[in-house]
Structures are given as C-alpha cells and as structure tokens.
C-alpha cells in the first residue's frame, strides 16, 4: 500500500498530488503505510476520480466515528 496505488492520488505531468493532504508526492519515493490509503474503485469499467474517492472515504470515516462498544 503506497501512494502509487491509492485512489486519492491524481497524476499531473509526472508528479502526483494527494487530495487528502493537498500536497505533491514524489513518485520516485512514494509514502507507505498511510492510514488514509483507499483502493482504487471502478464504476462501469472507469476508475473513480480522486475527488469521488475522497468523498467516499469521508463518508466511511463519519459512519465509523459514532460507533462505540456494544453494551
């Protein structure tokens, strides 16, 4: 799991841009073990955009935020 395979990465002229952290990513030395990593998802054979991945990830985090232990 590194930036090159993340759905939040947008490729721009041989550079990567992370939509989660709003920063450029060095593709020669991508970061690993990011807790915001999300596998690329496809719809009708086309990959979702980084913006769509970010929306889905935010919704997933919000749904898990209010879950607590069962009593």
PDB file of N, CA and C in Angstrom:
ATOM      1  N   UNK A   1       0.834  -1.171   0.000  1.00  0.00           N
ATOM      2  CA  UNK A   1       0.000   0.000   0.000  1.00  0.00           C
ATOM      3  C   UNK A   1       0.888   1.247   0.000  1.00  0.00           C
ATOM      4  N   UNK A   2       0.981   1.851  -1.163  1.00  0.00           N
ATOM      5  CA  UNK A   2       1.679   3.119  -1.211  1.00  0.00           C
ATOM      6  C   UNK A   2       0.905   4.083  -2.086  1.00  0.00           C
ATOM      7  N   UNK A   3       1.398   5.284  -2.174  1.00  0.00           N
ATOM      8  CA  UNK A   3       0.686   6.355  -2.874  1.00  0.00           C
ATOM      9  C   UNK A   3       0.375   6.023  -4.335  1.00  0.00           C
ATOM     10  N   UNK A   4       1.225   5.256  -4.983  1.00  0.00           N
ATOM     11  CA  UNK A   4       1.036   4.969  -6.404  1.00  0.00           C
ATOM     12  C   UNK A   4      -0.235   4.190  -6.683  1.00  0.00           C
ATOM     13  N   UNK A   5      -0.732   3.449  -5.704  1.00  0.00           N
ATOM     14  CA  UNK A   5      -1.921   2.616  -5.888  1.00  0.00           C
ATOM     15  C   UNK A   5      -3.142   3.168  -5.158  1.00  0.00           C
ATOM     16  N   UNK A   6      -3.034   4.382  -4.653  1.00  0.00           N
ATOM     17  CA  UNK A   6      -4.110   4.982  -3.865  1.00  0.00           C
ATOM     18  C   UNK A   6      -5.096   5.710  -4.768  1.00  0.00           C
ATOM     19  N   UNK A   7      -6.371   5.635  -4.432  1.00  0.00           N
ATOM     20  CA  UNK A   7      -7.403   6.314  -5.194  1.00  0.00           C
ATOM     21  C   UNK A   7      -7.404   7.825  -5.005  1.00  0.00           C
ATOM     22  N   UNK A   8      -6.693   8.311  -3.988  1.00  0.00           N
ATOM     23  CA  UNK A   8      -6.649   9.746  -3.716  1.00  0.00           C
ATOM     24  C   UNK A   8      -5.534  10.458  -4.483  1.00  0.00           C
ATOM     25  N   UNK A   9      -4.734   9.709  -5.244  1.00  0.00           N
ATOM     26  CA  UNK A   9      -3.614  10.284  -5.990  1.00  0.00           C
ATOM     27  C   UNK A   9      -4.063  10.725  -7.375  1.00  0.00           C
ATOM     28  N   UNK A  10      -3.742  11.964  -7.712  1.00  0.00           N
ATOM     29  CA  UNK A  10      -4.017  12.481  -9.045  1.00  0.00           C
ATOM     30  C   UNK A  10      -2.678  12.685  -9.738  1.00  0.00           C
ATOM     31  N   UNK A  11      -2.538  12.112 -10.923  1.00  0.00           N
ATOM     32  CA  UNK A  11      -1.293  12.245 -11.672  1.00  0.00           C
ATOM     33  C   UNK A  11      -1.319  13.544 -12.463  1.00  0.00           C
ATOM     34  N   UNK A  12      -0.273  14.352 -12.307  1.00  0.00           N
ATOM     35  CA  UNK A  12      -0.146  15.621 -13.010  1.00  0.00           C
ATOM     36  C   UNK A  12       1.268  15.749 -13.559  1.00  0.00           C
ATOM     37  N   UNK A  13       1.442  15.589 -14.865  1.00  0.00           N
ATOM     38  CA  UNK A  13       2.743  15.811 -15.508  1.00  0.00           C
ATOM     39  C   UNK A  13       3.909  15.197 -14.744  1.00  0.00           C
ATOM     40  N   UNK A  14       3.901  13.891 -14.607  1.00  0.00           N
ATOM     41  CA  UNK A  14       4.965  13.135 -13.945  1.00  0.00           C
ATOM     42  C   UNK A  14       5.094  13.437 -12.456  1.00  0.00           C
ATOM     43  N   UNK A  15       4.092  14.050 -11.896  1.00  0.00           N
ATOM     44  CA  UNK A  15       4.043  14.281 -10.458  1.00  0.00           C
ATOM     45  C   UNK A  15       2.713  13.783  -9.939  1.00  0.00           C
ATOM     46  N   UNK A  16       2.692  13.454  -8.684  1.00  0.00           N
ATOM     47  CA  UNK A  16       1.448  13.038  -8.062  1.00  0.00           C
ATOM     48  C   UNK A  16       0.981  14.101  -7.083  1.00  0.00           C
ATOM     49  N   UNK A  17      -0.330  14.182  -6.910  1.00  0.00           N
ATOM     50  CA  UNK A  17      -0.909  15.137  -5.970  1.00  0.00           C
ATOM     51  C   UNK A  17      -1.905  14.388  -5.092  1.00  0.00           C
ATOM     52  N   UNK A  18      -1.695  14.448  -3.779  1.00  0.00           N
ATOM     53  CA  UNK A  18      -2.574  13.778  -2.827  1.00  0.00           C
ATOM     54  C   UNK A  18      -3.743  14.693  -2.481  1.00  0.00           C
ATOM     55  N   UNK A  19      -4.966  14.214  -2.721  1.00  0.00           N
ATOM     56  CA  UNK A  19      -6.151  15.007  -2.422  1.00  0.00           C
ATOM     57  C   UNK A  19      -6.455  15.055  -0.929  1.00  0.00           C
ATOM     58  N   UNK A  20      -6.001  14.091  -0.156  1.00  0.00           N
ATOM     59  CA  UNK A  20      -6.241  14.095   1.285  1.00  0.00           C
ATOM     60  C   UNK A  20      -5.388  15.164   1.970  1.00  0.00           C
ATOM     61  N   UNK A  21      -4.082  15.185   1.654  1.00  0.00           N
ATOM     62  CA  UNK A  21      -3.166  16.101   2.325  1.00  0.00           C
ATOM     63  C   UNK A  21      -2.860  17.354   1.516  1.00  0.00           C
ATOM     64  N   UNK A  22      -3.398  17.442   0.303  1.00  0.00           N
ATOM     65  CA  UNK A  22      -3.207  18.608  -0.557  1.00  0.00           C
ATOM     66  C   UNK A  22      -1.730  18.940  -0.735  1.00  0.00           C
ATOM     67  N   UNK A  23      -0.937  17.915  -1.115  1.00  0.00           N
ATOM     68  CA  UNK A  23       0.487  18.140  -1.334  1.00  0.00           C
ATOM     69  C   UNK A  23       0.979  17.269  -2.479  1.00  0.00           C
ATOM     70  N   UNK A  24       2.103  17.674  -3.056  1.00  0.00           N
ATOM     71  CA  UNK A  24       2.718  16.913  -4.134  1.00  0.00           C
ATOM     72  C   UNK A  24       3.418  15.695  -3.552  1.00  0.00           C
ATOM     73  N   UNK A  25       3.387  14.609  -4.315  1.00  0.00           N
ATOM     74  CA  UNK A  25       4.005  13.355  -3.895  1.00  0.00           C
ATOM     75  C   UNK A  25       5.153  13.034  -4.840  1.00  0.00           C
ATOM     76  N   UNK A  26       6.300  12.727  -4.273  1.00  0.00           N
ATOM     77  CA  UNK A  26       7.450  12.315  -5.066  1.00  0.00           C
ATOM     78  C   UNK A  26       7.220  10.871  -5.513  1.00  0.00           C
ATOM     79  N   UNK A  27       7.028  10.666  -6.810  1.00  0.00           N
ATOM     80  CA  UNK A  27       6.705   9.329  -7.310  1.00  0.00           C
ATOM     81  C   UNK A  27       7.896   8.388  -7.271  1.00  0.00           C
ATOM     82  N   UNK A  28       9.114   8.922  -7.168  1.00  0.00           N
ATOM     83  CA  UNK A  28      10.294   8.064  -7.060  1.00  0.00           C
ATOM     84  C   UNK A  28      10.418   7.476  -5.662  1.00  0.00           C
ATOM     85  N   UNK A  29       9.844   8.163  -4.681  1.00  0.00           N
ATOM     86  CA  UNK A  29       9.879   7.684  -3.296  1.00  0.00           C
ATOM     87  C   UNK A  29       8.515   7.930  -2.660  1.00  0.00           C
ATOM     88  N   UNK A  30       7.496   7.154  -3.069  1.00  0.00           N
ATOM     89  CA  UNK A  30       6.154   7.371  -2.519  1.00  0.00           C
ATOM     90  C   UNK A  30       6.076   6.959  -1.053  1.00  0.00           C
ATOM     91  N   UNK A  31       5.185   7.609  -0.339  1.00  0.00           N
ATOM     92  CA  UNK A  31       4.991   7.273   1.064  1.00  0.00           C
ATOM     93  C   UNK A  31       4.268   5.936   1.190  1.00  0.00           C
ATOM     94  N   UNK A  32       4.483   5.260   2.298  1.00  0.00           N
ATOM     95  CA  UNK A  32       3.832   3.975   2.544  1.00  0.00           C
ATOM     96  C   UNK A  32       3.127   4.017   3.895  1.00  0.00           C
ATOM     97  N   UNK A  33       2.255   3.075   4.101  1.00  0.00           N
ATOM     98  CA  UNK A  33       1.537   2.919   5.375  1.00  0.00           C
ATOM     99  C   UNK A  33       0.733   4.161   5.766  1.00  0.00           C
ATOM    100  N   UNK A  34       0.091   4.778   4.810  1.00  0.00           N
ATOM    101  CA  UNK A  34      -0.767   5.932   5.095  1.00  0.00           C
ATOM    102  C   UNK A  34      -2.123   5.410   5.575  1.00  0.00           C
ATOM    103  N   UNK A  35      -2.618   5.949   6.669  1.00  0.00           N
ATOM    104  CA  UNK A  35      -3.897   5.468   7.197  1.00  0.00           C
ATOM    105  C   UNK A  35      -5.079   5.895   6.332  1.00  0.00           C
ATOM    106  N   UNK A  36      -4.861   6.819   5.396  1.00  0.00           N
ATOM    107  CA  UNK A  36      -5.929   7.274   4.517  1.00  0.00           C
ATOM    108  C   UNK A  36      -5.910   6.565   3.160  1.00  0.00           C
ATOM    109  N   UNK A  37      -5.064   5.552   3.001  1.00  0.00           N
ATOM    110  CA  UNK A  37      -4.989   4.804   1.747  1.00  0.00           C
ATOM    111  C   UNK A  37      -6.357   4.213   1.417  1.00  0.00           C
ATOM    112  N   UNK A  38      -6.749   4.333   0.155  1.00  0.00           N
ATOM    113  CA  UNK A  38      -8.008   3.743  -0.304  1.00  0.00           C
ATOM    114  C   UNK A  38      -7.746   3.100  -1.665  1.00  0.00           C
ATOM    115  N   UNK A  39      -8.179   1.851  -1.789  1.00  0.00           N
ATOM    116  CA  UNK A  39      -8.014   1.159  -3.065  1.00  0.00           C
ATOM    117  C   UNK A  39      -8.821   1.860  -4.145  1.00  0.00           C
ATOM    118  N   UNK A  40      -8.271   1.869  -5.352  1.00  0.00           N
ATOM    119  CA  UNK A  40      -8.992   2.474  -6.468  1.00  0.00           C
ATOM    120  C   UNK A  40     -10.262   1.678  -6.726  1.00  0.00           C
ATOM    121  N   UNK A  41     -11.363   2.396  -6.895  1.00  0.00           N
ATOM    122  CA  UNK A  41     -12.645   1.766  -7.178  1.00  0.00           C
ATOM    123  C   UNK A  41     -13.059   2.111  -8.598  1.00  0.00           C
ATOM    124  N   UNK A  42     -13.789   1.192  -9.186  1.00  0.00           N
ATOM    125  CA  UNK A  42     -14.203   1.355 -10.574  1.00  0.00           C
ATOM    126  C   UNK A  42     -15.715   1.289 -10.680  1.00  0.00           C
ATOM    127  N   UNK A  43     -16.231   2.073 -11.600  1.00  0.00           N
ATOM    128  CA  UNK A  43     -17.658   2.046 -11.884  1.00  0.00           C
ATOM    129  C   UNK A  43     -17.820   2.010 -13.394  1.00  0.00           C
ATOM    130  N   UNK A  44     -18.489   0.990 -13.897  1.00  0.00           N
ATOM    131  CA  UNK A  44     -18.679   0.789 -15.335  1.00  0.00           C
ATOM    132  C   UNK A  44     -17.352   0.732 -16.075  1.00  0.00           C
ATOM    133  N   UNK A  45     -16.338   0.152 -15.447  1.00  0.00           N
ATOM    134  CA  UNK A  45     -15.043  -0.017 -16.088  1.00  0.00           C
ATOM    135  C   UNK A  45     -14.122   1.181 -15.992  1.00  0.00           C
ATOM    136  N   UNK A  46     -14.600   2.308 -15.486  1.00  0.00           N
ATOM    137  CA  UNK A  46     -13.779   3.512 -15.347  1.00  0.00           C
ATOM    138  C   UNK A  46     -13.468   3.742 -13.876  1.00  0.00           C
ATOM    139  N   UNK A  47     -12.226   4.157 -13.602  1.00  0.00           N
ATOM    140  CA  UNK A  47     -11.840   4.452 -12.228  1.00  0.00           C
ATOM    141  C   UNK A  47     -12.516   5.734 -11.761  1.00  0.00           C
ATOM    142  N   UNK A  48     -12.924   5.743 -10.501  1.00  0.00           N
ATOM    143  CA  UNK A  48     -13.488   6.959  -9.924  1.00  0.00           C
ATOM    144  C   UNK A  48     -12.394   8.013  -9.815  1.00  0.00           C
ATOM    145  N   UNK A  49     -12.773   9.273  -9.820  1.00  0.00           N
ATOM    146  CA  UNK A  49     -11.797  10.356  -9.708  1.00  0.00           C
ATOM    147  C   UNK A  49     -11.305  10.444  -8.264  1.00  0.00           C
ATOM    148  N   UNK A  50     -10.162  11.094  -8.044  1.00  0.00           N
ATOM    149  CA  UNK A  50      -9.682  11.274  -6.670  1.00  0.00           C
ATOM    150  C   UNK A  50     -10.692  12.018  -5.793  1.00  0.00           C
ATOM    151  N   UNK A  51     -11.424  12.961  -6.368  1.00  0.00           N
ATOM    152  CA  UNK A  51     -12.434  13.682  -5.603  1.00  0.00           C
ATOM    153  C   UNK A  51     -13.535  12.735  -5.131  1.00  0.00           C
ATOM    154  N   UNK A  52     -13.960  11.830  -6.008  1.00  0.00           N
ATOM    155  CA  UNK A  52     -15.002  10.865  -5.645  1.00  0.00           C
ATOM    156  C   UNK A  52     -14.500   9.901  -4.565  1.00  0.00           C
ATOM    157  N   UNK A  53     -13.238   9.471  -4.685  1.00  0.00           N
ATOM    158  CA  UNK A  53     -12.659   8.608  -3.666  1.00  0.00           C
ATOM    159  C   UNK A  53     -12.636   9.316  -2.315  1.00  0.00           C
ATOM    160  N   UNK A  54     -12.292  10.605  -2.314  1.00  0.00           N
ATOM    161  CA  UNK A  54     -12.229  11.372  -1.072  1.00  0.00           C
ATOM    162  C   UNK A  54     -13.608  11.488  -0.425  1.00  0.00           C
ATOM    163  N   UNK A  55     -14.628  11.711  -1.220  1.00  0.00           N
ATOM    164  CA  UNK A  55     -15.997  11.798  -0.694  1.00  0.00           C
ATOM    165  C   UNK A  55     -16.415  10.472  -0.066  1.00  0.00           C
ATOM    166  N   UNK A  56     -16.140   9.372  -0.758  1.00  0.00           N
ATOM    167  CA  UNK A  56     -16.491   8.053  -0.226  1.00  0.00           C
ATOM    168  C   UNK A  56     -15.739   7.758   1.063  1.00  0.00           C
ATOM    169  N   UNK A  57     -14.461   8.125   1.099  1.00  0.00           N
ATOM    170  CA  UNK A  57     -13.661   7.875   2.289  1.00  0.00           C
ATOM    171  C   UNK A  57     -14.158   8.704   3.469  1.00  0.00           C
ATOM    172  N   UNK A  58     -14.486   9.968   3.238  1.00  0.00           N
ATOM    173  CA  UNK A  58     -15.011  10.816   4.303  1.00  0.00           C
ATOM    174  C   UNK A  58     -16.316  10.263   4.864  1.00  0.00           C
ATOM    175  N   UNK A  59     -17.186   9.782   3.990  1.00  0.00           N
ATOM    176  CA  UNK A  59     -18.443   9.201   4.440  1.00  0.00           C
ATOM    177  C   UNK A  59     -18.199   7.953   5.272  1.00  0.00           C
ATOM    178  N   UNK A  60     -17.231   7.148   4.864  1.00  0.00           N
ATOM    179  CA  UNK A  60     -16.904   5.934   5.605  1.00  0.00           C
ATOM    180  C   UNK A  60     -16.367   6.272   6.997  1.00  0.00           C
ATOM    181  N   UNK A  61     -15.467   7.257   7.080  1.00  0.00           N
ATOM    182  CA  UNK A  61     -14.928   7.664   8.377  1.00  0.00           C
ATOM    183  C   UNK A  61     -16.019   8.224   9.283  1.00  0.00           C
ATOM    184  N   UNK A  62     -16.924   9.022   8.730  1.00  0.00           N
ATOM    185  CA  UNK A  62     -18.010   9.598   9.535  1.00  0.00           C
ATOM    186  C   UNK A  62     -18.945   8.519  10.067  1.00  0.00           C
ATOM    187  N   UNK A  63     -19.199   7.492   9.258  1.00  0.00           N
ATOM    188  CA  UNK A  63     -20.098   6.432   9.707  1.00  0.00           C
ATOM    189  C   UNK A  63     -19.479   5.615  10.829  1.00  0.00           C
ATOM    190  N   UNK A  64     -18.161   5.492  10.853  1.00  0.00           N
ATOM    191  CA  UNK A  64     -17.486   4.730  11.890  1.00  0.00           C
ATOM    192  C   UNK A  64     -17.217   5.548  13.140  1.00  0.00           C
ATOM    193  N   UNK A  65     -17.267   6.869  13.029  1.00  0.00           N
ATOM    194  CA  UNK A  65     -16.917   7.743  14.135  1.00  0.00           C
ATOM    195  C   UNK A  65     -17.835   7.593  15.334  1.00  0.00           C
ATOM    196  N   UNK A  66     -19.093   7.450  15.122  1.00  0.00           N
ATOM    197  CA  UNK A  66     -20.055   7.403  16.207  1.00  0.00           C
ATOM    198  C   UNK A  66     -20.306   6.001  16.738  1.00  0.00           C
ATOM    199  N   UNK A  67     -19.598   5.010  16.232  1.00  0.00           N
ATOM    200  CA  UNK A  67     -19.792   3.645  16.707  1.00  0.00           C
ATOM    201  C   UNK A  67     -18.972   3.427  17.962  1.00  0.00           C
ATOM    202  N   UNK A  68     -19.589   2.902  18.946  1.00  0.00           N
ATOM    203  CA  UNK A  68     -18.893   2.611  20.211  1.00  0.00           C
ATOM    204  C   UNK A  68     -19.061   1.145  20.558  1.00  0.00           C
ATOM    205  N   UNK A  69     -18.588   0.774  21.715  1.00  0.00           N
ATOM    206  CA  UNK A  69     -18.734  -0.627  22.129  1.00  0.00           C
ATOM    207  C   UNK A  69     -20.195  -0.964  22.392  1.00  0.00           C
ATOM    208  N   UNK A  70     -20.528  -2.194  22.119  1.00  0.00           N
ATOM    209  CA  UNK A  70     -21.889  -2.685  22.374  1.00  0.00           C
ATOM    210  C   UNK A  70     -22.032  -2.959  23.865  1.00  0.00           C
ATOM    211  N   UNK A  71     -23.171  -2.618  24.415  1.00  0.00           N
ATOM    212  CA  UNK A  71     -23.396  -2.869  25.863  1.00  0.00           C
ATOM    213  C   UNK A  71     -24.384  -3.981  26.030  1.00  0.00           C
TER     214      UNK A  71
END
